[in-house]
Amino acid sequence: MSVRKSVFGSLAENAGFESLEHQWGDEYRLIPNLPFSMIFEPDDTIRDGHIFFKTSVDYVLCSRDDDRPLVAIDFDGLGG
């Protein structure tokens, strides 16, 4: 096993992150590729193996004070 060269899947993904971070990074924390289960509290009807636990979003904008998620951004379908 080896360490990846980047946590981003492509140069375009890295450029997108840098652009968003440049725009909002002073006031908010931008976290890439965050699973739903780290954004939302699942209720009792959601079990292990549910799609909820397999889904993530490209970026989450969080408050800088307490890391509370404020906005989730997903760019599905924007291939190049």
N, C-alpha and C. Protein backbone atom coordinates (compact mmCIF):
# COMPACT_ATOMS: atom_id res chain seq x y z
N MET A 1 0.85 -1.17 0.00
CA MET A 1 0.00 0.00 0.00
C MET A 1 0.90 1.23 0.00
N SER A 2 0.47 2.26 -0.72
CA SER A 2 1.24 3.50 -0.76
C SER A 2 0.30 4.69 -0.59
N VAL A 3 0.88 5.81 -0.25
CA VAL A 3 0.11 7.04 -0.07
C VAL A 3 -0.16 7.66 -1.45
N ARG A 4 -1.38 8.10 -1.67
CA ARG A 4 -1.73 8.74 -2.93
C ARG A 4 -0.99 10.06 -3.09
N LYS A 5 -0.82 10.47 -4.33
CA LYS A 5 -0.17 11.75 -4.61
C LYS A 5 -1.09 12.92 -4.28
N SER A 6 -2.39 12.70 -4.32
CA SER A 6 -3.37 13.76 -4.04
C SER A 6 -4.66 13.14 -3.51
N VAL A 7 -5.37 13.88 -2.68
CA VAL A 7 -6.67 13.42 -2.19
C VAL A 7 -7.78 13.71 -3.21
N PHE A 8 -7.45 14.42 -4.29
CA PHE A 8 -8.42 14.76 -5.32
C PHE A 8 -8.33 13.76 -6.47
N GLY A 9 -9.46 13.49 -7.10
CA GLY A 9 -9.51 12.53 -8.18
C GLY A 9 -8.98 13.05 -9.51
N SER A 10 -8.85 14.36 -9.65
CA SER A 10 -8.37 14.94 -10.91
C SER A 10 -7.82 16.34 -10.65
N LEU A 11 -7.13 16.87 -11.65
CA LEU A 11 -6.65 18.24 -11.56
C LEU A 11 -7.81 19.23 -11.50
N ALA A 12 -8.89 18.92 -12.24
CA ALA A 12 -10.07 19.79 -12.24
C ALA A 12 -10.72 19.83 -10.85
N GLU A 13 -10.78 18.69 -10.18
CA GLU A 13 -11.35 18.64 -8.83
C GLU A 13 -10.49 19.46 -7.87
N ASN A 14 -9.19 19.36 -8.00
CA ASN A 14 -8.28 20.14 -7.16
C ASN A 14 -8.45 21.64 -7.44
N ALA A 15 -8.56 22.02 -8.71
CA ALA A 15 -8.76 23.42 -9.07
C ALA A 15 -10.08 23.95 -8.52
N GLY A 16 -11.13 23.12 -8.58
CA GLY A 16 -12.43 23.52 -8.03
C GLY A 16 -12.35 23.77 -6.54
N PHE A 17 -11.66 22.89 -5.83
CA PHE A 17 -11.49 23.06 -4.39
C PHE A 17 -10.72 24.35 -4.09
N GLU A 18 -9.63 24.57 -4.80
CA GLU A 18 -8.83 25.78 -4.56
C GLU A 18 -9.63 27.05 -4.82
N SER A 19 -10.48 27.01 -5.84
CA SER A 19 -11.31 28.17 -6.16
C SER A 19 -12.32 28.45 -5.04
N LEU A 20 -13.00 27.40 -4.59
CA LEU A 20 -13.97 27.57 -3.50
C LEU A 20 -13.28 27.98 -2.21
N GLU A 21 -12.14 27.38 -1.92
CA GLU A 21 -11.42 27.73 -0.70
C GLU A 21 -10.92 29.18 -0.74
N HIS A 22 -10.48 29.61 -1.90
CA HIS A 22 -10.03 31.00 -2.05
C HIS A 22 -11.20 31.96 -1.79
N GLN A 23 -12.38 31.60 -2.27
CA GLN A 23 -13.56 32.46 -2.13
C GLN A 23 -14.06 32.50 -0.69
N TRP A 24 -14.11 31.35 -0.01
CA TRP A 24 -14.78 31.27 1.30
C TRP A 24 -13.86 30.88 2.45
N GLY A 25 -12.60 30.56 2.16
CA GLY A 25 -11.72 29.99 3.17
C GLY A 25 -11.41 30.86 4.37
N ASP A 26 -11.53 32.17 4.25
CA ASP A 26 -11.25 33.04 5.40
C ASP A 26 -12.35 33.00 6.44
N GLU A 27 -13.60 32.84 5.98
CA GLU A 27 -14.74 32.87 6.91
C GLU A 27 -15.27 31.49 7.28
N TYR A 28 -15.06 30.51 6.41
CA TYR A 28 -15.62 29.17 6.60
C TYR A 28 -14.55 28.12 6.39
N ARG A 29 -14.81 26.91 6.85
CA ARG A 29 -13.96 25.76 6.54
C ARG A 29 -14.60 24.99 5.40
N LEU A 30 -13.83 24.63 4.43
CA LEU A 30 -14.30 23.85 3.29
C LEU A 30 -13.71 22.45 3.41
N ILE A 31 -14.57 21.44 3.46
CA ILE A 31 -14.12 20.07 3.63
C ILE A 31 -14.52 19.28 2.38
N PRO A 32 -13.55 18.65 1.70
CA PRO A 32 -13.88 17.89 0.49
C PRO A 32 -14.32 16.46 0.79
N ASN A 33 -15.18 15.93 -0.10
CA ASN A 33 -15.57 14.52 -0.11
C ASN A 33 -16.00 14.01 1.26
N LEU A 34 -17.07 14.56 1.77
CA LEU A 34 -17.55 14.21 3.10
C LEU A 34 -18.77 13.28 3.00
N PRO A 35 -18.75 12.15 3.72
CA PRO A 35 -19.90 11.24 3.71
C PRO A 35 -21.13 11.86 4.36
N PHE A 36 -22.32 11.46 3.86
CA PHE A 36 -23.58 11.94 4.45
C PHE A 36 -23.61 11.71 5.96
N SER A 37 -23.08 10.56 6.40
CA SER A 37 -23.16 10.22 7.82
C SER A 37 -22.35 11.17 8.70
N MET A 38 -21.49 12.00 8.10
CA MET A 38 -20.76 13.01 8.86
C MET A 38 -21.47 14.36 8.82
N ILE A 39 -22.53 14.45 8.00
CA ILE A 39 -23.29 15.70 7.86
C ILE A 39 -24.63 15.60 8.59
N PHE A 40 -25.28 14.45 8.44
CA PHE A 40 -26.62 14.23 9.00
C PHE A 40 -26.59 13.10 10.02
N GLU A 41 -27.41 13.22 11.05
CA GLU A 41 -27.60 12.14 12.02
C GLU A 41 -28.62 11.18 11.46
N PRO A 42 -28.25 9.92 11.21
CA PRO A 42 -29.24 8.97 10.71
C PRO A 42 -30.26 8.63 11.81
N ASP A 43 -31.50 8.38 11.40
CA ASP A 43 -32.49 7.98 12.39
C ASP A 43 -32.53 6.44 12.46
N ASP A 44 -33.42 5.91 13.28
CA ASP A 44 -33.48 4.47 13.52
C ASP A 44 -33.88 3.65 12.29
N THR A 45 -34.48 4.28 11.29
CA THR A 45 -34.92 3.54 10.11
C THR A 45 -33.77 3.26 9.14
N ILE A 46 -32.66 3.94 9.32
CA ILE A 46 -31.51 3.76 8.42
C ILE A 46 -30.54 2.77 9.05
N ARG A 47 -30.27 1.68 8.34
CA ARG A 47 -29.42 0.61 8.85
C ARG A 47 -28.09 0.56 8.10
N ASP A 48 -27.12 -0.16 8.68
CA ASP A 48 -25.84 -0.39 7.99
C ASP A 48 -26.11 -0.95 6.61
N GLY A 49 -25.31 -0.53 5.64
CA GLY A 49 -25.48 -1.00 4.27
C GLY A 49 -26.43 -0.14 3.46
N HIS A 50 -27.20 0.73 4.11
CA HIS A 50 -28.13 1.63 3.43
C HIS A 50 -27.33 2.60 2.56
N ILE A 51 -27.91 3.05 1.47
CA ILE A 51 -27.22 3.98 0.56
C ILE A 51 -26.76 5.25 1.27
N PHE A 52 -27.44 5.60 2.35
CA PHE A 52 -27.05 6.76 3.16
C PHE A 52 -25.58 6.67 3.56
N PHE A 53 -25.13 5.48 3.94
CA PHE A 53 -23.76 5.29 4.42
C PHE A 53 -22.75 5.16 3.28
N LYS A 54 -23.23 5.09 2.04
CA LYS A 54 -22.34 4.95 0.89
C LYS A 54 -22.28 6.23 0.06
N THR A 55 -23.01 7.27 0.49
CA THR A 55 -23.12 8.51 -0.27
C THR A 55 -22.27 9.61 0.35
N SER A 56 -21.64 10.40 -0.51
CA SER A 56 -20.87 11.54 -0.02
C SER A 56 -21.13 12.72 -0.95
N VAL A 57 -20.74 13.90 -0.51
CA VAL A 57 -20.85 15.10 -1.32
C VAL A 57 -19.45 15.64 -1.58
N ASP A 58 -19.30 16.38 -2.67
CA ASP A 58 -17.98 16.87 -3.07
C ASP A 58 -17.37 17.81 -2.03
N TYR A 59 -18.15 18.76 -1.55
CA TYR A 59 -17.65 19.74 -0.59
C TYR A 59 -18.72 20.09 0.42
N VAL A 60 -18.29 20.37 1.64
CA VAL A 60 -19.20 20.88 2.68
C VAL A 60 -18.58 22.15 3.24
N LEU A 61 -19.36 23.20 3.24
CA LEU A 61 -18.94 24.47 3.83
C LEU A 61 -19.40 24.45 5.29
N CYS A 62 -18.45 24.61 6.21
CA CYS A 62 -18.75 24.53 7.64
C CYS A 62 -18.42 25.85 8.33
N SER A 63 -19.08 26.07 9.46
CA SER A 63 -18.74 27.25 10.26
C SER A 63 -17.33 27.06 10.81
N ARG A 64 -16.59 28.13 10.87
CA ARG A 64 -15.21 28.06 11.34
C ARG A 64 -15.16 27.84 12.86
N ASP A 65 -16.18 28.32 13.58
CA ASP A 65 -16.18 28.23 15.04
C ASP A 65 -16.38 26.81 15.57
N ASP A 66 -17.37 26.10 15.01
CA ASP A 66 -17.72 24.81 15.59
C ASP A 66 -17.84 23.67 14.56
N ASP A 67 -17.39 23.89 13.33
CA ASP A 67 -17.43 22.89 12.26
C ASP A 67 -18.84 22.40 11.93
N ARG A 68 -19.85 23.20 12.24
CA ARG A 68 -21.23 22.84 11.91
C ARG A 68 -21.42 22.94 10.40
N PRO A 69 -21.93 21.86 9.75
CA PRO A 69 -22.15 21.93 8.30
C PRO A 69 -23.23 22.95 7.95
N LEU A 70 -22.94 23.80 6.97
CA LEU A 70 -23.87 24.84 6.56
C LEU A 70 -24.43 24.60 5.16
N VAL A 71 -23.55 24.22 4.23
CA VAL A 71 -23.96 24.02 2.83
C VAL A 71 -23.19 22.82 2.28
N ALA A 72 -23.91 21.94 1.59
CA ALA A 72 -23.27 20.82 0.89
C ALA A 72 -23.32 21.10 -0.59
N ILE A 73 -22.18 20.88 -1.27
CA ILE A 73 -22.06 21.16 -2.70
C ILE A 73 -21.64 19.87 -3.40
N ASP A 74 -22.40 19.46 -4.42
CA ASP A 74 -22.05 18.27 -5.18
C ASP A 74 -22.14 18.59 -6.66
N PHE A 75 -21.10 18.27 -7.41
CA PHE A 75 -21.02 18.62 -8.81
C PHE A 75 -21.27 17.42 -9.73
N ASP A 76 -22.10 16.48 -9.35
CA ASP A 76 -22.37 15.31 -10.21
C ASP A 76 -22.86 15.76 -11.57
N GLY A 77 -22.33 15.11 -12.58
CA GLY A 77 -22.76 15.40 -13.94
C GLY A 77 -21.96 16.48 -14.62
N LEU A 78 -21.01 17.07 -13.94
CA LEU A 78 -20.20 18.13 -14.55
C LEU A 78 -18.84 17.56 -14.95
N GLY A 79 -18.85 16.62 -15.85
CA GLY A 79 -17.59 16.02 -16.29
C GLY A 79 -16.94 16.86 -17.37
N GLY A 80 -15.65 16.59 -17.62
CA GLY A 80 -14.96 17.37 -18.62
C GLY A 80 -14.11 16.49 -19.51
